[in-house]
Amino acid sequence: MEAQLLKSASLSRALGLTDLSIWTSARYTRGPVLSDRFNPFQDFPGSIEHFPEGSILSPPEHLRRR
């Protein structure tokens, strides 16, 4: 397990990946650390949350402190 973790870490560094990608359906759930308050609504500002992971994943810490 540790060997696999080291292999994954070196691949992430080599590819310049920023964060763990948990879901692939919405831009703002792919990289939660890079997300901002407007991301869920950038395709259509009046739209409601239509991806289930948006209700499971909380906003990044820097946005919750405001």
PDB file of N, CA and C in Angstrom:
ATOM      1  N   MET A   1       0.824  -1.200   0.000  1.00  0.00           N
ATOM      2  CA  MET A   1       0.000   0.000   0.000  1.00  0.00           C
ATOM      3  C   MET A   1       0.867   1.263   0.000  1.00  0.00           C
ATOM      4  N   GLU A   2       1.912   1.258   0.807  1.00  0.00           N
ATOM      5  CA  GLU A   2       2.787   2.434   0.877  1.00  0.00           C
ATOM      6  C   GLU A   2       3.510   2.664  -0.448  1.00  0.00           C
ATOM      7  N   ALA A   3       3.895   1.568  -1.110  1.00  0.00           N
ATOM      8  CA  ALA A   3       4.558   1.698  -2.411  1.00  0.00           C
ATOM      9  C   ALA A   3       3.616   2.328  -3.434  1.00  0.00           C
ATOM     10  N   GLN A   4       2.352   1.927  -3.396  1.00  0.00           N
ATOM     11  CA  GLN A   4       1.356   2.493  -4.313  1.00  0.00           C
ATOM     12  C   GLN A   4       1.142   3.978  -4.030  1.00  0.00           C
ATOM     13  N   LEU A   5       1.123   4.347  -2.751  1.00  0.00           N
ATOM     14  CA  LEU A   5       0.953   5.748  -2.371  1.00  0.00           C
ATOM     15  C   LEU A   5       2.129   6.593  -2.861  1.00  0.00           C
ATOM     16  N   LEU A   6       3.341   6.088  -2.702  1.00  0.00           N
ATOM     17  CA  LEU A   6       4.523   6.803  -3.191  1.00  0.00           C
ATOM     18  C   LEU A   6       4.504   6.933  -4.717  1.00  0.00           C
ATOM     19  N   LYS A   7       4.053   5.873  -5.374  1.00  0.00           N
ATOM     20  CA  LYS A   7       3.953   5.905  -6.835  1.00  0.00           C
ATOM     21  C   LYS A   7       2.926   6.954  -7.278  1.00  0.00           C
ATOM     22  N   SER A   8       1.798   7.001  -6.594  1.00  0.00           N
ATOM     23  CA  SER A   8       0.765   7.993  -6.913  1.00  0.00           C
ATOM     24  C   SER A   8       1.257   9.409  -6.652  1.00  0.00           C
ATOM     25  N   ALA A   9       1.979   9.597  -5.558  1.00  0.00           N
ATOM     26  CA  ALA A   9       2.504  10.922  -5.224  1.00  0.00           C
ATOM     27  C   ALA A   9       3.508  11.393  -6.271  1.00  0.00           C
ATOM     28  N   SER A  10       4.372  10.500  -6.722  1.00  0.00           N
ATOM     29  CA  SER A  10       5.358  10.907  -7.729  1.00  0.00           C
ATOM     30  C   SER A  10       4.685  11.192  -9.073  1.00  0.00           C
ATOM     31  N   LEU A  11       3.637  10.443  -9.404  1.00  0.00           N
ATOM     32  CA  LEU A  11       2.889  10.714 -10.632  1.00  0.00           C
ATOM     33  C   LEU A  11       2.191  12.070 -10.547  1.00  0.00           C
ATOM     34  N   SER A  12       1.625  12.383  -9.391  1.00  0.00           N
ATOM     35  CA  SER A  12       0.965  13.680  -9.196  1.00  0.00           C
ATOM     36  C   SER A  12       1.950  14.829  -9.357  1.00  0.00           C
ATOM     37  N   ARG A  13       3.140  14.673  -8.794  1.00  0.00           N
ATOM     38  CA  ARG A  13       4.172  15.708  -8.937  1.00  0.00           C
ATOM     39  C   ARG A  13       4.607  15.850 -10.391  1.00  0.00           C
ATOM     40  N   ALA A  14       4.805  14.723 -11.066  1.00  0.00           N
ATOM     41  CA  ALA A  14       5.262  14.748 -12.457  1.00  0.00           C
ATOM     42  C   ALA A  14       4.237  15.410 -13.381  1.00  0.00           C
ATOM     43  N   LEU A  15       2.955  15.163 -13.113  1.00  0.00           N
ATOM     44  CA  LEU A  15       1.901  15.729 -13.952  1.00  0.00           C
ATOM     45  C   LEU A  15       1.454  17.110 -13.504  1.00  0.00           C
ATOM     46  N   GLY A  16       1.919  17.537 -12.336  1.00  0.00           N
ATOM     47  CA  GLY A  16       1.539  18.847 -11.825  1.00  0.00           C
ATOM     48  C   GLY A  16       0.098  18.909 -11.360  1.00  0.00           C
ATOM     49  N   LEU A  17      -0.424  17.802 -10.856  1.00  0.00           N
ATOM     50  CA  LEU A  17      -1.805  17.772 -10.376  1.00  0.00           C
ATOM     51  C   LEU A  17      -1.922  18.566  -9.087  1.00  0.00           C
ATOM     52  N   THR A  18      -3.021  19.284  -8.929  1.00  0.00           N
ATOM     53  CA  THR A  18      -3.175  20.167  -7.776  1.00  0.00           C
ATOM     54  C   THR A  18      -3.864  19.529  -6.591  1.00  0.00           C
ATOM     55  N   ASP A  19      -4.806  18.636  -6.836  1.00  0.00           N
ATOM     56  CA  ASP A  19      -5.618  18.118  -5.744  1.00  0.00           C
ATOM     57  C   ASP A  19      -6.270  16.809  -6.159  1.00  0.00           C
ATOM     58  N   LEU A  20      -6.805  16.125  -5.192  1.00  0.00           N
ATOM     59  CA  LEU A  20      -7.528  14.892  -5.434  1.00  0.00           C
ATOM     60  C   LEU A  20      -8.807  15.174  -6.217  1.00  0.00           C
ATOM     61  N   SER A  21      -9.058  14.405  -7.242  1.00  0.00           N
ATOM     62  CA  SER A  21     -10.307  14.517  -8.000  1.00  0.00           C
ATOM     63  C   SER A  21     -11.214  13.370  -7.587  1.00  0.00           C
ATOM     64  N   ILE A  22     -12.308  13.689  -6.907  1.00  0.00           N
ATOM     65  CA  ILE A  22     -13.202  12.656  -6.397  1.00  0.00           C
ATOM     66  C   ILE A  22     -14.267  12.313  -7.423  1.00  0.00           C
ATOM     67  N   TRP A  23     -14.872  13.316  -8.024  1.00  0.00           N
ATOM     68  CA  TRP A  23     -15.931  13.128  -9.015  1.00  0.00           C
ATOM     69  C   TRP A  23     -15.519  13.765 -10.323  1.00  0.00           C
ATOM     70  N   THR A  24     -16.141  13.317 -11.401  1.00  0.00           N
ATOM     71  CA  THR A  24     -15.791  13.850 -12.719  1.00  0.00           C
ATOM     72  C   THR A  24     -16.927  14.612 -13.392  1.00  0.00           C
ATOM     73  N   SER A  25     -18.068  14.709 -12.767  1.00  0.00           N
ATOM     74  CA  SER A  25     -19.230  15.269 -13.456  1.00  0.00           C
ATOM     75  C   SER A  25     -19.252  16.791 -13.533  1.00  0.00           C
ATOM     76  N   ALA A  26     -18.820  17.484 -12.515  1.00  0.00           N
ATOM     77  CA  ALA A  26     -18.904  18.943 -12.505  1.00  0.00           C
ATOM     78  C   ALA A  26     -17.536  19.556 -12.235  1.00  0.00           C
ATOM     79  N   ARG A  27     -17.264  20.687 -12.881  1.00  0.00           N
ATOM     80  CA  ARG A  27     -15.955  21.342 -12.696  1.00  0.00           C
ATOM     81  C   ARG A  27     -15.658  21.656 -11.245  1.00  0.00           C
ATOM     82  N   TYR A  28     -16.647  22.129 -10.507  1.00  0.00           N
ATOM     83  CA  TYR A  28     -16.402  22.562  -9.137  1.00  0.00           C
ATOM     84  C   TYR A  28     -16.284  21.408  -8.154  1.00  0.00           C
ATOM     85  N   THR A  29     -16.585  20.165  -8.576  1.00  0.00           N
ATOM     86  CA  THR A  29     -16.362  19.022  -7.686  1.00  0.00           C
ATOM     87  C   THR A  29     -15.097  18.268  -8.060  1.00  0.00           C
ATOM     88  N   ARG A  30     -14.506  18.568  -9.199  1.00  0.00           N
ATOM     89  CA  ARG A  30     -13.259  17.908  -9.592  1.00  0.00           C
ATOM     90  C   ARG A  30     -12.093  18.392  -8.749  1.00  0.00           C
ATOM     91  N   GLY A  31     -12.012  19.677  -8.519  1.00  0.00           N
ATOM     92  CA  GLY A  31     -10.939  20.258  -7.720  1.00  0.00           C
ATOM     93  C   GLY A  31     -11.521  21.166  -6.665  1.00  0.00           C
ATOM     94  N   PRO A  32     -12.064  20.609  -5.566  1.00  0.00           N
ATOM     95  CA  PRO A  32     -12.761  21.427  -4.566  1.00  0.00           C
ATOM     96  C   PRO A  32     -11.927  22.562  -3.975  1.00  0.00           C
ATOM     97  N   VAL A  33     -10.626  22.391  -3.868  1.00  0.00           N
ATOM     98  CA  VAL A  33      -9.779  23.427  -3.281  1.00  0.00           C
ATOM     99  C   VAL A  33      -9.728  24.656  -4.184  1.00  0.00           C
ATOM    100  N   LEU A  34      -9.852  24.451  -5.472  1.00  0.00           N
ATOM    101  CA  LEU A  34      -9.776  25.545  -6.432  1.00  0.00           C
ATOM    102  C   LEU A  34     -11.129  26.178  -6.721  1.00  0.00           C
ATOM    103  N   SER A  35     -12.150  25.673  -6.100  1.00  0.00           N
ATOM    104  CA  SER A  35     -13.507  26.137  -6.359  1.00  0.00           C
ATOM    105  C   SER A  35     -13.781  27.494  -5.716  1.00  0.00           C
ATOM    106  N   ASP A  36     -14.757  28.214  -6.254  1.00  0.00           N
ATOM    107  CA  ASP A  36     -15.207  29.454  -5.629  1.00  0.00           C
ATOM    108  C   ASP A  36     -16.733  29.433  -5.519  1.00  0.00           C
ATOM    109  N   ARG A  37     -17.319  30.464  -4.978  1.00  0.00           N
ATOM    110  CA  ARG A  37     -18.765  30.464  -4.722  1.00  0.00           C
ATOM    111  C   ARG A  37     -19.614  30.444  -5.980  1.00  0.00           C
ATOM    112  N   PHE A  38     -19.103  30.940  -7.069  1.00  0.00           N
ATOM    113  CA  PHE A  38     -19.898  31.051  -8.285  1.00  0.00           C
ATOM    114  C   PHE A  38     -19.798  29.823  -9.189  1.00  0.00           C
ATOM    115  N   ASN A  39     -18.831  28.965  -8.961  1.00  0.00           N
ATOM    116  CA  ASN A  39     -18.608  27.822  -9.844  1.00  0.00           C
ATOM    117  C   ASN A  39     -19.839  26.982 -10.151  1.00  0.00           C
ATOM    118  N   PRO A  40     -20.685  26.620  -9.184  1.00  0.00           N
ATOM    119  CA  PRO A  40     -21.846  25.791  -9.522  1.00  0.00           C
ATOM    120  C   PRO A  40     -22.815  26.474 -10.478  1.00  0.00           C
ATOM    121  N   PHE A  41     -22.745  27.784 -10.589  1.00  0.00           N
ATOM    122  CA  PHE A  41     -23.729  28.524 -11.374  1.00  0.00           C
ATOM    123  C   PHE A  41     -23.150  29.178 -12.627  1.00  0.00           C
ATOM    124  N   GLN A  42     -21.918  28.856 -12.990  1.00  0.00           N
ATOM    125  CA  GLN A  42     -21.312  29.559 -14.115  1.00  0.00           C
ATOM    126  C   GLN A  42     -21.887  29.151 -15.472  1.00  0.00           C
ATOM    127  N   ASP A  43     -22.484  27.983 -15.590  1.00  0.00           N
ATOM    128  CA  ASP A  43     -23.114  27.611 -16.854  1.00  0.00           C
ATOM    129  C   ASP A  43     -24.448  28.322 -17.034  1.00  0.00           C
ATOM    130  N   PHE A  44     -25.175  28.473 -15.946  1.00  0.00           N
ATOM    131  CA  PHE A  44     -26.461  29.167 -15.979  1.00  0.00           C
ATOM    132  C   PHE A  44     -26.692  29.769 -14.595  1.00  0.00           C
ATOM    133  N   PRO A  45     -26.564  31.074 -14.423  1.00  0.00           N
ATOM    134  CA  PRO A  45     -26.610  31.708 -13.098  1.00  0.00           C
ATOM    135  C   PRO A  45     -27.859  31.412 -12.264  1.00  0.00           C
ATOM    136  N   GLY A  46     -28.985  31.136 -12.889  1.00  0.00           N
ATOM    137  CA  GLY A  46     -30.198  30.864 -12.120  1.00  0.00           C
ATOM    138  C   GLY A  46     -30.444  29.390 -11.872  1.00  0.00           C
ATOM    139  N   SER A  47     -29.491  28.553 -12.260  1.00  0.00           N
ATOM    140  CA  SER A  47     -29.713  27.110 -12.143  1.00  0.00           C
ATOM    141  C   SER A  47     -29.600  26.628 -10.699  1.00  0.00           C
ATOM    142  N   ILE A  48     -30.284  25.545 -10.426  1.00  0.00           N
ATOM    143  CA  ILE A  48     -30.177  24.923  -9.104  1.00  0.00           C
ATOM    144  C   ILE A  48     -29.093  23.857  -9.154  1.00  0.00           C
ATOM    145  N   GLU A  49     -28.691  23.382  -8.025  1.00  0.00           N
ATOM    146  CA  GLU A  49     -27.684  22.321  -7.943  1.00  0.00           C
ATOM    147  C   GLU A  49     -28.267  21.044  -8.548  1.00  0.00           C
ATOM    148  N   HIS A  50     -27.664  20.542  -9.600  1.00  0.00           N
ATOM    149  CA  HIS A  50     -28.190  19.337 -10.232  1.00  0.00           C
ATOM    150  C   HIS A  50     -27.232  18.158 -10.201  1.00  0.00           C
ATOM    151  N   PHE A  51     -26.097  18.302  -9.551  1.00  0.00           N
ATOM    152  CA  PHE A  51     -25.182  17.185  -9.363  1.00  0.00           C
ATOM    153  C   PHE A  51     -25.269  16.731  -7.914  1.00  0.00           C
ATOM    154  N   PRO A  52     -25.487  15.449  -7.661  1.00  0.00           N
ATOM    155  CA  PRO A  52     -25.642  14.985  -6.277  1.00  0.00           C
ATOM    156  C   PRO A  52     -24.416  15.248  -5.404  1.00  0.00           C
ATOM    157  N   GLU A  53     -23.236  15.216  -5.984  1.00  0.00           N
ATOM    158  CA  GLU A  53     -22.038  15.422  -5.160  1.00  0.00           C
ATOM    159  C   GLU A  53     -21.930  16.847  -4.640  1.00  0.00           C
ATOM    160  N   GLY A  54     -22.592  17.785  -5.267  1.00  0.00           N
ATOM    161  CA  GLY A  54     -22.584  19.160  -4.777  1.00  0.00           C
ATOM    162  C   GLY A  54     -23.249  19.303  -3.427  1.00  0.00           C
ATOM    163  N   SER A  55     -24.157  18.406  -3.101  1.00  0.00           N
ATOM    164  CA  SER A  55     -24.805  18.453  -1.790  1.00  0.00           C
ATOM    165  C   SER A  55     -24.074  17.597  -0.763  1.00  0.00           C
ATOM    166  N   ILE A  56     -23.122  16.800  -1.197  1.00  0.00           N
ATOM    167  CA  ILE A  56     -22.332  15.961  -0.286  1.00  0.00           C
ATOM    168  C   ILE A  56     -21.042  16.669   0.104  1.00  0.00           C
ATOM    169  N   LEU A  57     -20.427  17.328  -0.847  1.00  0.00           N
ATOM    170  CA  LEU A  57     -19.133  17.977  -0.658  1.00  0.00           C
ATOM    171  C   LEU A  57     -19.328  19.398  -0.156  1.00  0.00           C
ATOM    172  N   SER A  58     -18.722  19.715   0.962  1.00  0.00           N
ATOM    173  CA  SER A  58     -18.864  21.070   1.505  1.00  0.00           C
ATOM    174  C   SER A  58     -17.921  22.036   0.786  1.00  0.00           C
ATOM    175  N   PRO A  59     -18.190  23.328   0.859  1.00  0.00           N
ATOM    176  CA  PRO A  59     -17.302  24.314   0.236  1.00  0.00           C
ATOM    177  C   PRO A  59     -15.913  24.281   0.888  1.00  0.00           C
ATOM    178  N   PRO A  60     -14.892  24.719   0.185  1.00  0.00           N
ATOM    179  CA  PRO A  60     -13.550  24.759   0.753  1.00  0.00           C
ATOM    180  C   PRO A  60     -13.504  25.613   2.026  1.00  0.00           C
ATOM    181  N   GLU A  61     -12.576  25.319   2.886  1.00  0.00           N
ATOM    182  CA  GLU A  61     -12.443  26.002   4.181  1.00  0.00           C
ATOM    183  C   GLU A  61     -12.329  27.511   4.017  1.00  0.00           C
ATOM    184  N   HIS A  62     -11.554  27.979   3.028  1.00  0.00           N
ATOM    185  CA  HIS A  62     -11.368  29.428   2.874  1.00  0.00           C
ATOM    186  C   HIS A  62     -12.671  30.138   2.507  1.00  0.00           C
ATOM    187  N   LEU A  63     -13.637  29.441   1.949  1.00  0.00           N
ATOM    188  CA  LEU A  63     -14.930  30.056   1.650  1.00  0.00           C
ATOM    189  C   LEU A  63     -15.889  29.979   2.836  1.00  0.00           C
ATOM    190  N   ARG A  64     -15.714  28.991   3.696  1.00  0.00           N
ATOM    191  CA  ARG A  64     -16.587  28.858   4.865  1.00  0.00           C
ATOM    192  C   ARG A  64     -16.237  29.860   5.955  1.00  0.00           C
ATOM    193  N   ARG A  65     -15.026  30.389   5.961  1.00  0.00           N
ATOM    194  CA  ARG A  65     -14.597  31.336   6.997  1.00  0.00           C
ATOM    195  C   ARG A  65     -15.142  32.732   6.779  1.00  0.00           C
ATOM    196  N   ARG A  66     -15.656  33.034   5.615  1.00  0.00           N
ATOM    197  CA  ARG A  66     -16.136  34.390   5.311  1.00  0.00           C
ATOM    198  C   ARG A  66     -17.429  34.700   5.984  1.00  0.00           C
TER     199      ARG A  66
END
